[in-house]
Amino acid sequence: MAAALQNWGCRDHNLIQRTLDGLRDDHPPACRAKDAITTCAHAYMVMSAHAAHRGCPRYTAAANYLVAAP
C-alpha cells in the first residue's frame, strides 16, 4: 500500500509511515484515553462527546460501563 501511495505521487511521509506501520486508527488522542469511567454520569458525558466518532474506543468503553452498571 505504501508503494502504491508513492506511485500515485503522495509526498506525505507521515501518511506513508502510518501505512507502513499498519496504523489505521485515526481517532483523536481523547478517543484513545485509558482513564477509568467511574460513574454513570461520566459515561453519559463521554458517550455524548464521542457519539459522532465511528468505532470510537472511548464510546465503546462508556457503553460497556453502562451495561455493567448496577
PDB file of N, CA and C in Angstrom:
ATOM      1  N   MET A   1       0.824  -1.190   0.000  1.00  0.00           N
ATOM      2  CA  MET A   1       0.000   0.000   0.000  1.00  0.00           C
ATOM      3  C   MET A   1       0.866   1.252   0.000  1.00  0.00           C
ATOM      4  N   ALA A   2       1.945   1.243   0.773  1.00  0.00           N
ATOM      5  CA  ALA A   2       2.823   2.408   0.811  1.00  0.00           C
ATOM      6  C   ALA A   2       3.451   2.650  -0.561  1.00  0.00           C
ATOM      7  N   ALA A   3       3.800   1.573  -1.245  1.00  0.00           N
ATOM      8  CA  ALA A   3       4.369   1.713  -2.587  1.00  0.00           C
ATOM      9  C   ALA A   3       3.329   2.308  -3.539  1.00  0.00           C
ATOM     10  N   ALA A   4       2.095   1.909  -3.392  1.00  0.00           N
ATOM     11  CA  ALA A   4       1.037   2.459  -4.234  1.00  0.00           C
ATOM     12  C   ALA A   4       0.876   3.956  -3.978  1.00  0.00           C
ATOM     13  N   LEU A   5       0.947   4.361  -2.701  1.00  0.00           N
ATOM     14  CA  LEU A   5       0.844   5.783  -2.380  1.00  0.00           C
ATOM     15  C   LEU A   5       1.982   6.572  -3.027  1.00  0.00           C
ATOM     16  N   GLN A   6       3.181   6.013  -3.000  1.00  0.00           N
ATOM     17  CA  GLN A   6       4.312   6.689  -3.619  1.00  0.00           C
ATOM     18  C   GLN A   6       4.139   6.740  -5.132  1.00  0.00           C
ATOM     19  N   ASN A   7       3.633   5.665  -5.725  1.00  0.00           N
ATOM     20  CA  ASN A   7       3.412   5.649  -7.173  1.00  0.00           C
ATOM     21  C   ASN A   7       2.350   6.661  -7.590  1.00  0.00           C
ATOM     22  N   TRP A   8       1.399   6.927  -6.730  1.00  0.00           N
ATOM     23  CA  TRP A   8       0.351   7.897  -7.044  1.00  0.00           C
ATOM     24  C   TRP A   8       0.821   9.321  -6.802  1.00  0.00           C
ATOM     25  N   GLY A   9       2.049   9.488  -6.351  1.00  0.00           N
ATOM     26  CA  GLY A   9       2.592  10.823  -6.160  1.00  0.00           C
ATOM     27  C   GLY A   9       2.389  11.386  -4.770  1.00  0.00           C
ATOM     28  N   CYS A  10       2.039  10.543  -3.833  1.00  0.00           N
ATOM     29  CA  CYS A  10       1.848  11.013  -2.457  1.00  0.00           C
ATOM     30  C   CYS A  10       3.207  11.360  -1.864  1.00  0.00           C
ATOM     31  N   ARG A  11       3.328  12.575  -1.358  1.00  0.00           N
ATOM     32  CA  ARG A  11       4.576  13.023  -0.746  1.00  0.00           C
ATOM     33  C   ARG A  11       4.434  13.201   0.766  1.00  0.00           C
ATOM     34  N   ASP A  12       3.278  12.818   1.292  1.00  0.00           N
ATOM     35  CA  ASP A  12       3.036  12.939   2.725  1.00  0.00           C
ATOM     36  C   ASP A  12       3.736  11.771   3.432  1.00  0.00           C
ATOM     37  N   HIS A  13       4.921  12.046   3.974  1.00  0.00           N
ATOM     38  CA  HIS A  13       5.708  10.980   4.589  1.00  0.00           C
ATOM     39  C   HIS A  13       5.042  10.424   5.840  1.00  0.00           C
ATOM     40  N   ASN A  14       4.268  11.254   6.536  1.00  0.00           N
ATOM     41  CA  ASN A  14       3.550  10.780   7.717  1.00  0.00           C
ATOM     42  C   ASN A  14       2.517   9.727   7.327  1.00  0.00           C
ATOM     43  N   LEU A  15       1.775   9.986   6.272  1.00  0.00           N
ATOM     44  CA  LEU A  15       0.786   9.025   5.799  1.00  0.00           C
ATOM     45  C   LEU A  15       1.449   7.736   5.344  1.00  0.00           C
ATOM     46  N   ILE A  16       2.537   7.847   4.615  1.00  0.00           N
ATOM     47  CA  ILE A  16       3.248   6.660   4.155  1.00  0.00           C
ATOM     48  C   ILE A  16       3.783   5.861   5.341  1.00  0.00           C
ATOM     49  N   GLN A  17       4.339   6.548   6.334  1.00  0.00           N
ATOM     50  CA  GLN A  17       4.877   5.847   7.506  1.00  0.00           C
ATOM     51  C   GLN A  17       3.766   5.157   8.285  1.00  0.00           C
ATOM     52  N   ARG A  18       2.623   5.834   8.455  1.00  0.00           N
ATOM     53  CA  ARG A  18       1.488   5.216   9.152  1.00  0.00           C
ATOM     54  C   ARG A  18       1.004   3.993   8.407  1.00  0.00           C
ATOM     55  N   THR A  19       1.005   4.066   7.092  1.00  0.00           N
ATOM     56  CA  THR A  19       0.588   2.923   6.294  1.00  0.00           C
ATOM     57  C   THR A  19       1.564   1.770   6.464  1.00  0.00           C
ATOM     58  N   LEU A  20       2.853   2.083   6.440  1.00  0.00           N
ATOM     59  CA  LEU A  20       3.856   1.042   6.637  1.00  0.00           C
ATOM     60  C   LEU A  20       3.747   0.410   8.011  1.00  0.00           C
ATOM     61  N   ASP A  21       3.473   1.208   9.010  1.00  0.00           N
ATOM     62  CA  ASP A  21       3.361   0.700  10.378  1.00  0.00           C
ATOM     63  C   ASP A  21       2.045  -0.021  10.623  1.00  0.00           C
ATOM     64  N   GLY A  22       1.127   0.107   9.703  1.00  0.00           N
ATOM     65  CA  GLY A  22      -0.173  -0.533   9.880  1.00  0.00           C
ATOM     66  C   GLY A  22      -1.078   0.239  10.819  1.00  0.00           C
ATOM     67  N   LEU A  23      -0.802   1.515  11.024  1.00  0.00           N
ATOM     68  CA  LEU A  23      -1.615   2.322  11.923  1.00  0.00           C
ATOM     69  C   LEU A  23      -2.758   2.950  11.139  1.00  0.00           C
ATOM     70  N   ARG A  24      -3.909   2.352  11.244  1.00  0.00           N
ATOM     71  CA  ARG A  24      -5.066   2.873  10.528  1.00  0.00           C
ATOM     72  C   ARG A  24      -6.055   3.532  11.479  1.00  0.00           C
ATOM     73  N   ASP A  25      -5.665   3.694  12.726  1.00  0.00           N
ATOM     74  CA  ASP A  25      -6.526   4.280  13.737  1.00  0.00           C
ATOM     75  C   ASP A  25      -6.395   5.794  13.693  1.00  0.00           C
ATOM     76  N   ASP A  26      -7.420   6.465  13.183  1.00  0.00           N
ATOM     77  CA  ASP A  26      -7.377   7.916  13.030  1.00  0.00           C
ATOM     78  C   ASP A  26      -8.138   8.646  14.125  1.00  0.00           C
ATOM     79  N   HIS A  27      -8.387   7.969  15.252  1.00  0.00           N
ATOM     80  CA  HIS A  27      -9.103   8.625  16.337  1.00  0.00           C
ATOM     81  C   HIS A  27      -8.213   9.654  17.006  1.00  0.00           C
ATOM     82  N   PRO A  28      -8.792  10.770  17.437  1.00  0.00           N
ATOM     83  CA  PRO A  28      -8.007  11.760  18.169  1.00  0.00           C
ATOM     84  C   PRO A  28      -7.510  11.181  19.500  1.00  0.00           C
ATOM     85  N   PRO A  29      -6.512  11.811  20.115  1.00  0.00           N
ATOM     86  CA  PRO A  29      -5.961  11.280  21.367  1.00  0.00           C
ATOM     87  C   PRO A  29      -7.004  11.085  22.468  1.00  0.00           C
ATOM     88  N   ALA A  30      -8.012  11.943  22.532  1.00  0.00           N
ATOM     89  CA  ALA A  30      -9.034  11.800  23.577  1.00  0.00           C
ATOM     90  C   ALA A  30      -9.808  10.491  23.434  1.00  0.00           C
ATOM     91  N   CYS A  31      -9.923   9.988  22.217  1.00  0.00           N
ATOM     92  CA  CYS A  31     -10.633   8.731  21.999  1.00  0.00           C
ATOM     93  C   CYS A  31      -9.816   7.529  22.466  1.00  0.00           C
ATOM     94  N   ARG A  32      -8.530   7.696  22.568  1.00  0.00           N
ATOM     95  CA  ARG A  32      -7.668   6.591  22.995  1.00  0.00           C
ATOM     96  C   ARG A  32      -7.317   6.670  24.471  1.00  0.00           C
ATOM     97  N   ALA A  33      -7.950   7.577  25.205  1.00  0.00           N
ATOM     98  CA  ALA A  33      -7.674   7.742  26.634  1.00  0.00           C
ATOM     99  C   ALA A  33      -8.020   6.466  27.389  1.00  0.00           C
ATOM    100  N   LYS A  34      -7.237   6.155  28.379  1.00  0.00           N
ATOM    101  CA  LYS A  34      -7.437   4.940  29.170  1.00  0.00           C
ATOM    102  C   LYS A  34      -7.962   5.253  30.567  1.00  0.00           C
ATOM    103  N   ASP A  35      -8.371   6.505  30.808  1.00  0.00           N
ATOM    104  CA  ASP A  35      -8.890   6.881  32.125  1.00  0.00           C
ATOM    105  C   ASP A  35     -10.140   6.069  32.444  1.00  0.00           C
ATOM    106  N   ALA A  36     -10.253   5.690  33.697  1.00  0.00           N
ATOM    107  CA  ALA A  36     -11.400   4.883  34.124  1.00  0.00           C
ATOM    108  C   ALA A  36     -12.685   5.708  34.096  1.00  0.00           C
ATOM    109  N   ILE A  37     -13.744   5.077  33.685  1.00  0.00           N
ATOM    110  CA  ILE A  37     -15.075   5.685  33.756  1.00  0.00           C
ATOM    111  C   ILE A  37     -15.675   5.184  35.058  1.00  0.00           C
ATOM    112  N   THR A  38     -15.945   6.096  35.985  1.00  0.00           N
ATOM    113  CA  THR A  38     -16.299   5.688  37.340  1.00  0.00           C
ATOM    114  C   THR A  38     -17.756   5.889  37.714  1.00  0.00           C
ATOM    115  N   THR A  39     -18.492   6.687  36.953  1.00  0.00           N
ATOM    116  CA  THR A  39     -19.903   6.929  37.277  1.00  0.00           C
ATOM    117  C   THR A  39     -20.739   6.881  36.002  1.00  0.00           C
ATOM    118  N   CYS A  40     -22.027   6.691  36.193  1.00  0.00           N
ATOM    119  CA  CYS A  40     -22.927   6.697  35.039  1.00  0.00           C
ATOM    120  C   CYS A  40     -22.970   8.076  34.392  1.00  0.00           C
ATOM    121  N   ALA A  41     -22.909   9.123  35.189  1.00  0.00           N
ATOM    122  CA  ALA A  41     -22.911  10.482  34.637  1.00  0.00           C
ATOM    123  C   ALA A  41     -21.690  10.701  33.748  1.00  0.00           C
ATOM    124  N   HIS A  42     -20.551  10.207  34.189  1.00  0.00           N
ATOM    125  CA  HIS A  42     -19.339  10.327  33.388  1.00  0.00           C
ATOM    126  C   HIS A  42     -19.481   9.534  32.093  1.00  0.00           C
ATOM    127  N   ALA A  43     -20.063   8.356  32.177  1.00  0.00           N
ATOM    128  CA  ALA A  43     -20.260   7.534  30.982  1.00  0.00           C
ATOM    129  C   ALA A  43     -21.160   8.245  29.974  1.00  0.00           C
ATOM    130  N   TYR A  44     -22.255   8.853  30.450  1.00  0.00           N
ATOM    131  CA  TYR A  44     -23.150   9.587  29.545  1.00  0.00           C
ATOM    132  C   TYR A  44     -22.444  10.779  28.916  1.00  0.00           C
ATOM    133  N   MET A  45     -21.614  11.477  29.696  1.00  0.00           N
ATOM    134  CA  MET A  45     -20.878  12.623  29.170  1.00  0.00           C
ATOM    135  C   MET A  45     -19.900  12.174  28.079  1.00  0.00           C
ATOM    136  N   VAL A  46     -19.187  11.073  28.332  1.00  0.00           N
ATOM    137  CA  VAL A  46     -18.238  10.545  27.346  1.00  0.00           C
ATOM    138  C   VAL A  46     -18.977  10.121  26.085  1.00  0.00           C
ATOM    139  N   MET A  47     -20.108   9.453  26.243  1.00  0.00           N
ATOM    140  CA  MET A  47     -20.865   8.996  25.076  1.00  0.00           C
ATOM    141  C   MET A  47     -21.371  10.169  24.246  1.00  0.00           C
ATOM    142  N   SER A  48     -21.814  11.243  24.898  1.00  0.00           N
ATOM    143  CA  SER A  48     -22.301  12.394  24.134  1.00  0.00           C
ATOM    144  C   SER A  48     -21.159  13.085  23.397  1.00  0.00           C
ATOM    145  N   ALA A  49     -19.982  13.112  24.000  1.00  0.00           N
ATOM    146  CA  ALA A  49     -18.841  13.768  23.366  1.00  0.00           C
ATOM    147  C   ALA A  49     -18.265  12.944  22.207  1.00  0.00           C
ATOM    148  N   HIS A  50     -18.410  11.629  22.260  1.00  0.00           N
ATOM    149  CA  HIS A  50     -17.775  10.757  21.266  1.00  0.00           C
ATOM    150  C   HIS A  50     -18.785  10.054  20.350  1.00  0.00           C
ATOM    151  N   ALA A  51     -20.049  10.454  20.402  1.00  0.00           N
ATOM    152  CA  ALA A  51     -21.084   9.778  19.622  1.00  0.00           C
ATOM    153  C   ALA A  51     -20.853   9.883  18.113  1.00  0.00           C
ATOM    154  N   ALA A  52     -20.264  10.955  17.663  1.00  0.00           N
ATOM    155  CA  ALA A  52     -20.073  11.154  16.218  1.00  0.00           C
ATOM    156  C   ALA A  52     -18.875  10.386  15.659  1.00  0.00           C
ATOM    157  N   HIS A  53     -18.042   9.856  16.529  1.00  0.00           N
ATOM    158  CA  HIS A  53     -16.847   9.146  16.062  1.00  0.00           C
ATOM    159  C   HIS A  53     -17.191   7.690  15.778  1.00  0.00           C
ATOM    160  N   ARG A  54     -17.042   7.278  14.564  1.00  0.00           N
ATOM    161  CA  ARG A  54     -17.364   5.910  14.173  1.00  0.00           C
ATOM    162  C   ARG A  54     -16.324   4.948  14.749  1.00  0.00           C
ATOM    163  N   GLY A  55     -16.782   3.963  15.509  1.00  0.00           N
ATOM    164  CA  GLY A  55     -15.889   2.960  16.067  1.00  0.00           C
ATOM    165  C   GLY A  55     -14.990   3.482  17.177  1.00  0.00           C
ATOM    166  N   CYS A  56     -15.418   4.512  17.872  1.00  0.00           N
ATOM    167  CA  CYS A  56     -14.604   5.141  18.911  1.00  0.00           C
ATOM    168  C   CYS A  56     -14.437   4.204  20.108  1.00  0.00           C
ATOM    169  N   PRO A  57     -13.190   3.909  20.498  1.00  0.00           N
ATOM    170  CA  PRO A  57     -12.993   3.017  21.641  1.00  0.00           C
ATOM    171  C   PRO A  57     -13.476   3.624  22.960  1.00  0.00           C
ATOM    172  N   ARG A  58     -13.439   4.930  23.093  1.00  0.00           N
ATOM    173  CA  ARG A  58     -13.904   5.583  24.321  1.00  0.00           C
ATOM    174  C   ARG A  58     -15.419   5.473  24.446  1.00  0.00           C
ATOM    175  N   TYR A  59     -16.137   5.637  23.336  1.00  0.00           N
ATOM    176  CA  TYR A  59     -17.586   5.484  23.331  1.00  0.00           C
ATOM    177  C   TYR A  59     -17.952   4.055  23.719  1.00  0.00           C
ATOM    178  N   THR A  60     -17.226   3.094  23.169  1.00  0.00           N
ATOM    179  CA  THR A  60     -17.472   1.687  23.473  1.00  0.00           C
ATOM    180  C   THR A  60     -17.225   1.398  24.948  1.00  0.00           C
ATOM    181  N   ALA A  61     -16.160   1.964  25.509  1.00  0.00           N
ATOM    182  CA  ALA A  61     -15.867   1.760  26.932  1.00  0.00           C
ATOM    183  C   ALA A  61     -16.979   2.328  27.804  1.00  0.00           C
ATOM    184  N   ALA A  62     -17.500   3.494  27.437  1.00  0.00           N
ATOM    185  CA  ALA A  62     -18.584   4.102  28.208  1.00  0.00           C
ATOM    186  C   ALA A  62     -19.859   3.267  28.105  1.00  0.00           C
ATOM    187  N   ALA A  63     -20.155   2.785  26.923  1.00  0.00           N
ATOM    188  CA  ALA A  63     -21.337   1.942  26.738  1.00  0.00           C
ATOM    189  C   ALA A  63     -21.206   0.648  27.537  1.00  0.00           C
ATOM    190  N   ASN A  64     -20.032   0.054  27.539  1.00  0.00           N
ATOM    191  CA  ASN A  64     -19.803  -1.165  28.311  1.00  0.00           C
ATOM    192  C   ASN A  64     -19.949  -0.912  29.806  1.00  0.00           C
ATOM    193  N   TYR A  65     -19.511   0.257  30.257  1.00  0.00           N
ATOM    194  CA  TYR A  65     -19.664   0.600  31.670  1.00  0.00           C
ATOM    195  C   TYR A  65     -21.152   0.679  32.020  1.00  0.00           C
ATOM    196  N   LEU A  66     -21.946   1.307  31.159  1.00  0.00           N
ATOM    197  CA  LEU A  66     -23.381   1.450  31.463  1.00  0.00           C
ATOM    198  C   LEU A  66     -24.087   0.101  31.448  1.00  0.00           C
ATOM    199  N   VAL A  67     -23.659  -0.795  30.574  1.00  0.00           N
ATOM    200  CA  VAL A  67     -24.275  -2.116  30.536  1.00  0.00           C
ATOM    201  C   VAL A  67     -23.973  -2.878  31.822  1.00  0.00           C
ATOM    202  N   ALA A  68     -22.757  -2.724  32.325  1.00  0.00           N
ATOM    203  CA  ALA A  68     -22.340  -3.449  33.531  1.00  0.00           C
ATOM    204  C   ALA A  68     -22.735  -2.746  34.823  1.00  0.00           C
ATOM    205  N   ALA A  69     -23.178  -1.498  34.742  1.00  0.00           N
ATOM    206  CA  ALA A  69     -23.512  -0.731  35.961  1.00  0.00           C
ATOM    207  C   ALA A  69     -24.727  -1.349  36.635  1.00  0.00           C
ATOM    208  N   PRO A  70     -24.714  -1.330  37.978  1.00  0.00           N
ATOM    209  CA  PRO A  70     -25.859  -1.909  38.732  1.00  0.00           C
ATOM    210  C   PRO A  70     -27.100  -1.068  38.631  1.00  0.00           C
TER     211      PRO A  70
END
